[in-house]
Amino acid sequence: MYENLEAEIARAGITKREIAVFLEIHENTLAYKMARGSFTIEEAFKIKHKFFPNCELEYLFYRKKSA
């Protein structure tokens, strides 16, 4: 899960639906990608540039390593 991305979405008041529409994917697909960490690099760059231009890509898409 992308905890930093989740936090920034909440802080910015952006809906996941807005992001899904922007990426031209279903909301369920977005939820799966956020939970499983399966964004393409193109999707990650699009999200960062459109919604979070002041955040570092590495910060937004950081995932803790599972034990």
C-alpha atoms as a PDB file:
ATOM      1  CA  MET A   1       0.000   0.000   0.000  1.00  0.00           C
ATOM      2  CA  TYR A   2       1.157   3.500  -0.784  1.00  0.00           C
ATOM      3  CA  GLU A   3       0.658   5.186   2.582  1.00  0.00           C
ATOM      4  CA  ASN A   4       2.197   8.500   1.485  1.00  0.00           C
ATOM      5  CA  LEU A   5       0.026   8.646  -1.624  1.00  0.00           C
ATOM      6  CA  GLU A   6      -3.072   7.899   0.469  1.00  0.00           C
ATOM      7  CA  ALA A   7      -2.119  10.669   2.901  1.00  0.00           C
ATOM      8  CA  GLU A   8      -1.499  13.225   0.156  1.00  0.00           C
ATOM      9  CA  ILE A   9      -4.808  12.383  -1.526  1.00  0.00           C
ATOM     10  CA  ALA A  10      -6.604  13.002   1.775  1.00  0.00           C
ATOM     11  CA  ARG A  11      -4.643  16.209   2.468  1.00  0.00           C
ATOM     12  CA  ALA A  12      -5.394  17.623  -0.966  1.00  0.00           C
ATOM     13  CA  GLY A  13      -9.087  16.705  -0.821  1.00  0.00           C
ATOM     14  CA  ILE A  14      -8.809  14.803  -4.089  1.00  0.00           C
ATOM     15  CA  THR A  15     -11.112  11.871  -4.659  1.00  0.00           C
ATOM     16  CA  LYS A  16      -9.856   8.555  -5.922  1.00  0.00           C
ATOM     17  CA  ARG A  17     -12.561   8.822  -8.554  1.00  0.00           C
ATOM     18  CA  GLU A  18     -10.844  11.955  -9.908  1.00  0.00           C
ATOM     19  CA  ILE A  19      -7.581  10.067 -10.210  1.00  0.00           C
ATOM     20  CA  ALA A  20      -9.262   7.058 -11.830  1.00  0.00           C
ATOM     21  CA  VAL A  21     -11.024   9.263 -14.384  1.00  0.00           C
ATOM     22  CA  PHE A  22      -7.761  11.053 -15.133  1.00  0.00           C
ATOM     23  CA  LEU A  23      -5.968   7.730 -15.688  1.00  0.00           C
ATOM     24  CA  GLU A  24      -8.958   6.420 -17.671  1.00  0.00           C
ATOM     25  CA  ILE A  25      -9.333   3.358 -15.460  1.00  0.00           C
ATOM     26  CA  HIS A  26     -12.164   2.030 -13.295  1.00  0.00           C
ATOM     27  CA  GLU A  27     -12.221   3.053  -9.629  1.00  0.00           C
ATOM     28  CA  ASN A  28     -11.881  -0.614  -8.626  1.00  0.00           C
ATOM     29  CA  THR A  29      -8.743  -0.873 -10.733  1.00  0.00           C
ATOM     30  CA  LEU A  30      -7.292   2.156  -8.975  1.00  0.00           C
ATOM     31  CA  ALA A  31      -8.116   0.653  -5.583  1.00  0.00           C
ATOM     32  CA  TYR A  32      -6.361  -2.582  -6.594  1.00  0.00           C
ATOM     33  CA  LYS A  33      -3.305  -0.707  -7.820  1.00  0.00           C
ATOM     34  CA  MET A  34      -3.111   1.287  -4.590  1.00  0.00           C
ATOM     35  CA  ALA A  35      -3.439  -1.834  -2.451  1.00  0.00           C
ATOM     36  CA  ARG A  36      -1.101  -4.059  -4.484  1.00  0.00           C
ATOM     37  CA  GLY A  37       1.416  -1.525  -5.721  1.00  0.00           C
ATOM     38  CA  SER A  38       1.003  -2.186  -9.398  1.00  0.00           C
ATOM     39  CA  PHE A  39       1.110   1.287 -10.962  1.00  0.00           C
ATOM     40  CA  THR A  40       3.026   1.564 -14.196  1.00  0.00           C
ATOM     41  CA  ILE A  41       5.787   4.140 -14.251  1.00  0.00           C
ATOM     42  CA  GLU A  42       3.707   6.162 -16.700  1.00  0.00           C
ATOM     43  CA  GLU A  43       0.733   6.160 -14.316  1.00  0.00           C
ATOM     44  CA  ALA A  44       2.958   7.175 -11.409  1.00  0.00           C
ATOM     45  CA  PHE A  45       4.386  10.125 -13.352  1.00  0.00           C
ATOM     46  CA  LYS A  46       0.916  11.201 -14.502  1.00  0.00           C
ATOM     47  CA  ILE A  47      -0.433  11.165 -10.926  1.00  0.00           C
ATOM     48  CA  LYS A  48       2.565  13.046  -9.585  1.00  0.00           C
ATOM     49  CA  HIS A  49       2.554  15.753 -12.277  1.00  0.00           C
ATOM     50  CA  LYS A  50      -1.216  16.316 -12.362  1.00  0.00           C
ATOM     51  CA  PHE A  51      -2.114  16.128  -8.674  1.00  0.00           C
ATOM     52  CA  PHE A  52       1.095  16.426  -6.621  1.00  0.00           C
ATOM     53  CA  PRO A  53       3.673  18.496  -8.526  1.00  0.00           C
ATOM     54  CA  ASN A  54       5.372  19.563  -5.287  1.00  0.00           C
ATOM     55  CA  CYS A  55       5.933  16.008  -4.038  1.00  0.00           C
ATOM     56  CA  GLU A  56       8.819  13.757  -4.934  1.00  0.00           C
ATOM     57  CA  LEU A  57       7.913  10.648  -6.913  1.00  0.00           C
ATOM     58  CA  GLU A  58       9.933   8.485  -4.516  1.00  0.00           C
ATOM     59  CA  TYR A  59       7.972   9.879  -1.567  1.00  0.00           C
ATOM     60  CA  LEU A  60       4.537   9.405  -3.139  1.00  0.00           C
ATOM     61  CA  PHE A  61       5.153   5.842  -4.254  1.00  0.00           C
ATOM     62  CA  TYR A  62       7.236   4.625  -1.330  1.00  0.00           C
ATOM     63  CA  ARG A  63       6.212   1.210   0.007  1.00  0.00           C
ATOM     64  CA  LYS A  64       7.397  -0.446   3.174  1.00  0.00           C
ATOM     65  CA  LYS A  65       9.063  -3.763   2.578  1.00  0.00           C
ATOM     66  CA  SER A  66       6.986  -6.594   3.975  1.00  0.00           C
ATOM     67  CA  ALA A  67       8.620  -8.690   6.641  1.00  0.00           C
END
